[in-house]
Structures are given as structure tokens and as C-alpha cells.
C-alpha atoms as a PDB file:
ATOM      1  CA  MET A   1      71.632  88.699 -15.900  1.00  0.00           C
ATOM      2  CA  SER A   2      73.847  85.739 -15.053  1.00  0.00           C
ATOM      3  CA  ALA A   3      76.599  88.027 -13.713  1.00  0.00           C
ATOM      4  CA  SER A   4      74.199  89.534 -11.169  1.00  0.00           C
ATOM      5  CA  VAL A   5      73.019  86.062 -10.123  1.00  0.00           C
ATOM      6  CA  ALA A   6      76.637  84.948  -9.685  1.00  0.00           C
ATOM      7  CA  SER A   7      77.367  88.113  -7.709  1.00  0.00           C
ATOM      8  CA  ALA A   8      74.344  87.541  -5.460  1.00  0.00           C
ATOM      9  CA  THR A   9      75.419  83.937  -4.896  1.00  0.00           C
ATOM     10  CA  THR A  10      78.925  85.052  -3.907  1.00  0.00           C
ATOM     11  CA  VAL A  11      77.553  87.641  -1.468  1.00  0.00           C
ATOM     12  CA  SER A  12      75.157  85.081   0.012  1.00  0.00           C
ATOM     13  CA  SER A  13      77.952  82.521   0.327  1.00  0.00           C
ATOM     14  CA  SER A  14      80.215  85.102   1.929  1.00  0.00           C
ATOM     15  CA  THR A  15      77.474  86.071   4.399  1.00  0.00           C
ATOM     16  CA  ASN A  16      76.848  82.403   5.275  1.00  0.00           C
ATOM     17  CA  THR A  17      80.562  81.858   5.838  1.00  0.00           C
ATOM     18  CA  ALA A  18      80.803  84.912   8.098  1.00  0.00           C
ATOM     19  CA  SER A  19      77.779  83.702  10.066  1.00  0.00           C
ATOM     20  CA  ALA A  20      79.224  80.195  10.403  1.00  0.00           C
ATOM     21  CA  LEU A  21      82.555  81.640  11.525  1.00  0.00           C
ATOM     22  CA  ARG A  22      80.813  83.733  14.191  1.00  0.00           C
ATOM     23  CA  ARG A  23      78.885  80.681  15.416  1.00  0.00           C
ATOM     24  CA  ALA A  24      82.068  78.597  15.522  1.00  0.00           C
ATOM     25  CA  LEU A  25      83.929  81.279  17.474  1.00  0.00           C
ATOM     26  CA  VAL A  26      81.050  81.749  19.927  1.00  0.00           C
ATOM     27  CA  ALA A  27      80.898  77.972  20.446  1.00  0.00           C
ATOM     28  CA  LEU A  28      84.655  77.840  21.045  1.00  0.00           C
ATOM     29  CA  TYR A  29      84.561  80.730  23.531  1.00  0.00           C
ATOM     30  CA  VAL A  30      81.606  79.175  25.381  1.00  0.00           C
ATOM     31  CA  GLY A  31      83.510  75.876  25.401  1.00  0.00           C
ATOM     32  CA  VAL A  32      86.583  77.591  26.865  1.00  0.00           C
ATOM     33  CA  ALA A  33      84.504  79.244  29.588  1.00  0.00           C
ATOM     34  CA  ALA A  34      82.762  75.960  30.431  1.00  0.00           C
ATOM     35  CA  ALA A  35      86.068  74.053  30.517  1.00  0.00           C
ATOM     36  CA  VAL A  36      87.721  76.605  32.795  1.00  0.00           C
ATOM     37  CA  ALA A  37      84.632  76.616  35.029  1.00  0.00           C
ATOM     38  CA  LEU A  38      84.672  72.815  35.206  1.00  0.00           C
ATOM     39  CA  ALA A  39      88.369  72.802  36.109  1.00  0.00           C
ATOM     40  CA  ALA A  40      87.787  75.401  38.818  1.00  0.00           C
ATOM     41  CA  ILE A  41      84.748  73.609  40.232  1.00  0.00           C
ATOM     42  CA  THR A  42      86.458  70.227  40.392  1.00  0.00           C
ATOM     43  CA  ALA A  43      89.574  71.759  41.942  1.00  0.00           C
ATOM     44  CA  PHE A  44      88.122  74.209  44.458  1.00  0.00           C
ATOM     45  CA  VAL A  45      84.430  73.512  45.137  1.00  0.00           C
ATOM     46  CA  THR A  46      83.032  70.818  47.401  1.00  0.00           C
ATOM     47  CA  THR A  47      80.738  68.411  45.560  1.00  0.00           C
ATOM     48  CA  THR A  48      78.942  65.182  46.440  1.00  0.00           C
ATOM     49  CA  PRO A  49      81.222  62.317  45.359  1.00  0.00           C
ATOM     50  CA  ASP A  50      78.668  59.680  44.331  1.00  0.00           C
ATOM     51  CA  GLU A  51      75.241  59.547  42.772  1.00  0.00           C
ATOM     52  CA  GLY A  52      72.488  60.781  44.979  1.00  0.00           C
ATOM     53  CA  ALA A  53      70.889  63.951  46.230  1.00  0.00           C
ATOM     54  CA  PHE A  54      72.822  67.187  46.009  1.00  0.00           C
ATOM     55  CA  HIS A  55      74.350  68.209  49.332  1.00  0.00           C
ATOM     56  CA  HIS A  56      76.470  71.181  48.249  1.00  0.00           C
ATOM     57  CA  ILE A  57      75.969  74.224  46.052  1.00  0.00           C
ATOM     58  CA  GLY A  58      78.924  72.943  44.013  1.00  0.00           C
ATOM     59  CA  ASP A  59      76.768  70.013  42.866  1.00  0.00           C
ATOM     60  CA  TYR A  60      74.481  72.452  41.064  1.00  0.00           C
ATOM     61  CA  PHE A  61      77.431  74.292  39.516  1.00  0.00           C
ATOM     62  CA  LEU A  62      79.087  71.060  38.407  1.00  0.00           C
ATOM     63  CA  THR A  63      75.900  69.774  36.783  1.00  0.00           C
ATOM     64  CA  ALA A  64      75.029  73.117  35.198  1.00  0.00           C
ATOM     65  CA  THR A  65      78.497  73.390  33.653  1.00  0.00           C
ATOM     66  CA  GLY A  66      77.709  70.383  31.480  1.00  0.00           C
ATOM     67  CA  ILE A  67      74.957  72.254  29.647  1.00  0.00           C
ATOM     68  CA  PRO A  68      77.160  74.800  27.839  1.00  0.00           C
ATOM     69  CA  TYR A  69      79.754  72.057  27.281  1.00  0.00           C
ATOM     70  CA  VAL A  70      77.445  69.958  25.111  1.00  0.00           C
ATOM     71  CA  VAL A  71      75.589  72.874  23.497  1.00  0.00           C
ATOM     72  CA  ALA A  72      78.928  74.393  22.451  1.00  0.00           C
ATOM     73  CA  LEU A  73      80.016  71.077  20.937  1.00  0.00           C
ATOM     74  CA  VAL A  74      76.918  70.761  18.749  1.00  0.00           C
ATOM     75  CA  MET A  75      77.143  74.435  17.725  1.00  0.00           C
ATOM     76  CA  LEU A  76      80.822  74.023  16.873  1.00  0.00           C
ATOM     77  CA  LEU A  77      80.348  70.919  14.742  1.00  0.00           C
ATOM     78  CA  SER A  78      77.473  72.423  12.781  1.00  0.00           C
ATOM     79  CA  ALA A  79      79.374  75.675  12.164  1.00  0.00           C
ATOM     80  CA  MET A  80      82.534  73.815  11.151  1.00  0.00           C
ATOM     81  CA  ARG A  81      80.503  71.666   8.783  1.00  0.00           C
ATOM     82  CA  GLU A  82      79.287  74.822   7.069  1.00  0.00           C
ATOM     83  CA  LEU A  83      82.753  76.415   7.027  1.00  0.00           C
ATOM     84  CA  GLN A  84      84.153  73.293   5.365  1.00  0.00           C
ATOM     85  CA  ASP A  85      81.397  73.350   2.720  1.00  0.00           C
ATOM     86  CA  ARG A  86      80.328  69.916   3.970  1.00  0.00           C
ATOM     87  CA  ARG A  87      83.568  68.357   2.717  1.00  0.00           C
ATOM     88  CA  GLU A  88      83.933  66.155   5.806  1.00  0.00           C
ATOM     89  CA  GLY A  89      81.975  63.477   3.966  1.00  0.00           C
ATOM     90  CA  ARG A  90      79.911  60.682   5.405  1.00  0.00           C
ATOM     91  CA  ILE A  91      82.349  59.942   8.193  1.00  0.00           C
ATOM     92  CA  GLY A  92      82.053  63.531   9.408  1.00  0.00           C
ATOM     93  CA  MET A  93      78.278  63.393   9.132  1.00  0.00           C
ATOM     94  CA  VAL A  94      78.170  60.149  11.145  1.00  0.00           C
ATOM     95  CA  GLY A  95      80.455  61.793  13.702  1.00  0.00           C
ATOM     96  CA  MET A  96      78.148  64.770  13.936  1.00  0.00           C
ATOM     97  CA  ALA A  97      75.174  62.429  14.458  1.00  0.00           C
ATOM     98  CA  PHE A  98      76.981  60.538  17.242  1.00  0.00           C
ATOM     99  CA  ALA A  99      77.960  63.793  18.947  1.00  0.00           C
ATOM    100  CA  ALA A 100      74.452  65.227  18.629  1.00  0.00           C
ATOM    101  CA  ILE A 101      72.749  62.105  20.024  1.00  0.00           C
ATOM    102  CA  GLY A 102      75.213  61.918  22.913  1.00  0.00           C
ATOM    103  CA  SER A 103      74.847  65.634  23.588  1.00  0.00           C
ATOM    104  CA  ILE A 104      71.049  65.458  23.643  1.00  0.00           C
ATOM    105  CA  ALA A 105      71.166  62.578  26.129  1.00  0.00           C
ATOM    106  CA  LEU A 106      73.682  64.430  28.309  1.00  0.00           C
ATOM    107  CA  LEU A 107      71.629  67.604  28.152  1.00  0.00           C
ATOM    108  CA  ALA A 108      68.567  65.674  29.359  1.00  0.00           C
ATOM    109  CA  ILE A 109      70.591  64.182  32.219  1.00  0.00           C
ATOM    110  CA  PHE A 110      71.942  67.589  33.274  1.00  0.00           C
ATOM    111  CA  VAL A 111      68.570  69.352  33.129  1.00  0.00           C
ATOM    112  CA  SER A 112      66.773  66.562  35.000  1.00  0.00           C
ATOM    113  CA  GLY A 113      69.596  66.493  37.549  1.00  0.00           C
ATOM    114  CA  LEU A 114      69.219  70.210  38.204  1.00  0.00           C
ATOM    115  CA  ILE A 115      65.440  69.923  38.489  1.00  0.00           C
ATOM    116  CA  ALA A 116      65.557  66.869  40.779  1.00  0.00           C
ATOM    117  CA  ALA A 117      68.662  68.076  42.668  1.00  0.00           C
ATOM    118  CA  THR A 118      70.323  64.730  42.121  1.00  0.00           C
ATOM    119  CA  SER A 119      73.381  63.528  40.264  1.00  0.00           C
ATOM    120  CA  SER A 120      71.756  60.477  38.707  1.00  0.00           C
ATOM    121  CA  SER A 121      73.403  59.226  35.543  1.00  0.00           C
ATOM    122  CA  TRP A 122      70.349  57.232  34.410  1.00  0.00           C
ATOM    123  CA  GLY A 123      72.203  53.954  34.711  1.00  0.00           C
ATOM    124  CA  PRO A 124      74.738  53.548  31.917  1.00  0.00           C
ATOM    125  CA  THR A 125      73.238  56.415  29.878  1.00  0.00           C
ATOM    126  CA  TYR A 126      75.757  59.018  31.051  1.00  0.00           C
ATOM    127  CA  VAL A 127      78.773  56.887  30.150  1.00  0.00           C
ATOM    128  CA  LEU A 128      77.278  55.784  26.819  1.00  0.00           C
ATOM    129  CA  ALA A 129      76.309  59.344  25.891  1.00  0.00           C
ATOM    130  CA  SER A 130      79.779  60.592  26.843  1.00  0.00           C
ATOM    131  CA  LEU A 131      81.356  57.878  24.706  1.00  0.00           C
ATOM    132  CA  ALA A 132      79.038  58.830  21.837  1.00  0.00           C
ATOM    133  CA  THR A 133      80.313  62.419  21.968  1.00  0.00           C
ATOM    134  CA  ILE A 134      83.917  61.194  21.995  1.00  0.00           C
ATOM    135  CA  ILE A 135      83.290  58.885  19.024  1.00  0.00           C
ATOM    136  CA  GLY A 136      81.488  61.740  17.295  1.00  0.00           C
ATOM    137  CA  VAL A 137      84.368  64.171  17.725  1.00  0.00           C
ATOM    138  CA  VAL A 138      86.880  61.541  16.559  1.00  0.00           C
ATOM    139  CA  LEU A 139      84.877  60.754  13.420  1.00  0.00           C
ATOM    140  CA  PHE A 140      84.198  64.423  12.676  1.00  0.00           C
ATOM    141  CA  ALA A 141      87.901  65.248  13.046  1.00  0.00           C
ATOM    142  CA  ILE A 142      88.834  62.387  10.702  1.00  0.00           C
ATOM    143  CA  GLY A 143      86.336  63.621   8.122  1.00  0.00           C
ATOM    144  CA  SER A 144      87.499  67.208   8.583  1.00  0.00           C
ATOM    145  CA  ARG A 145      90.926  66.381   7.161  1.00  0.00           C
ATOM    146  CA  ARG A 146      89.295  66.796   3.742  1.00  0.00           C
ATOM    147  CA  GLY A 147      87.939  70.210   4.662  1.00  0.00           C
ATOM    148  CA  GLN A 148      91.422  71.590   5.364  1.00  0.00           C
ATOM    149  CA  LEU A 149      89.926  74.153   7.710  1.00  0.00           C
ATOM    150  CA  LEU A 150      92.135  73.177  10.645  1.00  0.00           C
ATOM    151  CA  PRO A 151      95.731  71.943  10.558  1.00  0.00           C
ATOM    152  CA  LYS A 152      96.209  68.187  10.844  1.00  0.00           C
ATOM    153  CA  TRP A 153      97.927  68.421  14.233  1.00  0.00           C
ATOM    154  CA  LEU A 154      94.887  70.207  15.651  1.00  0.00           C
ATOM    155  CA  LEU A 155      92.566  67.550  14.208  1.00  0.00           C
ATOM    156  CA  VAL A 156      94.615  64.942  16.099  1.00  0.00           C
ATOM    157  CA  VAL A 157      94.798  66.857  19.385  1.00  0.00           C
ATOM    158  CA  TRP A 158      91.143  67.943  19.465  1.00  0.00           C
ATOM    159  CA  PRO A 159      89.582  64.450  19.941  1.00  0.00           C
ATOM    160  CA  ILE A 160      92.203  63.593  22.573  1.00  0.00           C
ATOM    161  CA  ALA A 161      91.488  66.822  24.448  1.00  0.00           C
ATOM    162  CA  TRP A 162      87.742  66.203  24.196  1.00  0.00           C
ATOM    163  CA  ALA A 163      88.151  62.659  25.534  1.00  0.00           C
ATOM    164  CA  VAL A 164      90.179  63.717  28.592  1.00  0.00           C
ATOM    165  CA  GLY A 165      88.594  67.107  29.169  1.00  0.00           C
ATOM    166  CA  SER A 166      84.900  66.636  28.629  1.00  0.00           C
ATOM    167  CA  MET A 167      82.258  64.484  30.265  1.00  0.00           C
ATOM    168  CA  LEU A 168      84.086  61.430  31.545  1.00  0.00           C
ATOM    169  CA  PRO A 169      85.333  61.931  35.100  1.00  0.00           C
ATOM    170  CA  ILE A 170      89.029  62.064  34.334  1.00  0.00           C
ATOM    171  CA  SER A 171      90.650  64.108  37.047  1.00  0.00           C
ATOM    172  CA  GLY A 172      93.438  66.553  36.541  1.00  0.00           C
ATOM    173  CA  PRO A 173      93.987  69.239  33.954  1.00  0.00           C
ATOM    174  CA  GLY A 174      91.826  67.633  31.232  1.00  0.00           C
ATOM    175  CA  PRO A 175      89.329  70.516  30.987  1.00  0.00           C
ATOM    176  CA  LEU A 176      92.190  73.013  30.777  1.00  0.00           C
ATOM    177  CA  LEU A 177      93.722  71.004  27.925  1.00  0.00           C
ATOM    178  CA  LEU A 178      90.389  71.187  26.116  1.00  0.00           C
ATOM    179  CA  ALA A 179      90.228  74.942  26.759  1.00  0.00           C
ATOM    180  CA  ALA A 180      93.724  75.354  25.280  1.00  0.00           C
ATOM    181  CA  VAL A 181      92.753  73.354  22.185  1.00  0.00           C
ATOM    182  CA  TYR A 182      89.597  75.432  21.766  1.00  0.00           C
ATOM    183  CA  ILE A 183      91.678  78.611  21.999  1.00  0.00           C
ATOM    184  CA  ALA A 184      94.071  77.250  19.344  1.00  0.00           C
ATOM    185  CA  MET A 185      91.100  76.396  17.122  1.00  0.00           C
ATOM    186  CA  ALA A 186      89.703  79.923  17.549  1.00  0.00           C
ATOM    187  CA  VAL A 187      93.070  81.481  16.651  1.00  0.00           C
ATOM    188  CA  VAL A 188      93.335  79.335  13.511  1.00  0.00           C
ATOM    189  CA  LEU A 189      89.758  80.072  12.453  1.00  0.00           C
ATOM    190  CA  ARG A 190      90.172  83.820  12.987  1.00  0.00           C
ATOM    191  CA  LYS A 191      93.285  83.811  10.795  1.00  0.00           C
ATOM    192  CA  ARG A 192      91.411  82.030   7.989  1.00  0.00           C
ATOM    193  CA  ARG A 193      88.805  84.771   7.605  1.00  0.00           C
END
């Protein structure tokens, strides 16, 4: 009787791991697509430079691109937490909370911006929420060293790439750096199946 229970637990655990791996890979691929789209929009599409009403179609694209960015981040962190068997500890859990709170605030800003056709940042909320996601990714990466799911170099590069390639308006190839890091993470995770 106990052998069949152990066998069922192993199958269930294996199924959960496969599901978490799929979710992590989907989140990474969505993140890559959003990062490449953001890089293309900022490089080639005319957008309104300051807060205010949208004047160009690119304003809608730029704002809408933020939605998959933050959804992919939350999906990725939750899937990685499961893949690591929750070994990231309290620091990783605090990081996930910071990232989730920041992502929810950013998601609200993006959705309301699309509905109102304005690029309002709700005062300091946009910057604070962006910083919360950066702090969250840093803390989660620090905690993830225990999980040994990703190599240490990738756990160092990932928060840097998120900081320069995500929500804060840092011009240049930042989103493409984040896309490259997400691709590296996907390659590593696929090899660990």
C-alpha cells in the first residue's frame, strides 16, 4: 500500500514539475516577445514624449506592451518558485511579494491608460511600482541561489537586465538585453528537464 502511495506522489510531483516548467517557459517566451516589441516601439514608432493624452497609435502600443511584461514576470516567479521546491526561502518570498505588488500597480496603470487614452503615471506610483518589481527580482534571484535551478551568473545578470530593460525609461538596448537573458534562462530550464 505504501509503495503505491509513494508512486502516486512521485507521478504527481513529476506532473507538477512539468506544468511549472511549461508555465516558466511560456512566461519567458512572452517576456522575450514583449521585450522585443518594446525595443522596436521605442526605436521605430512615434510616441507622445510626456504625460498626457495619446496623440499617436504608438502610444497605445507602448502602453499595451507593459501588460505582458508584468504578467510574464509574475508567472515566471511563481513557476520558478515551484520548480525550486520553494527553496528560495523568505528572501525569495519577499521578493515575489514585492514583484507582485509592483506588477499589480503597473497593470492597473497600463489598463487605465489604455482606457483613458492617456499616459498618466498616477504621480509617483509608476516609478515606485517599477522599483518594487526591480527589488522583487533582485530579492528573488538572491533567494534562488539556494534552489540551484539557474546558474549563479544568470542569477546575477537577470536582475540587472530587468532593471535596465523593464519599466523604467532607460533608453537603448535594455529591453533586448532582457530578451537575451530570458532566452538564456529558457535554454537552461529546458536542459534541466
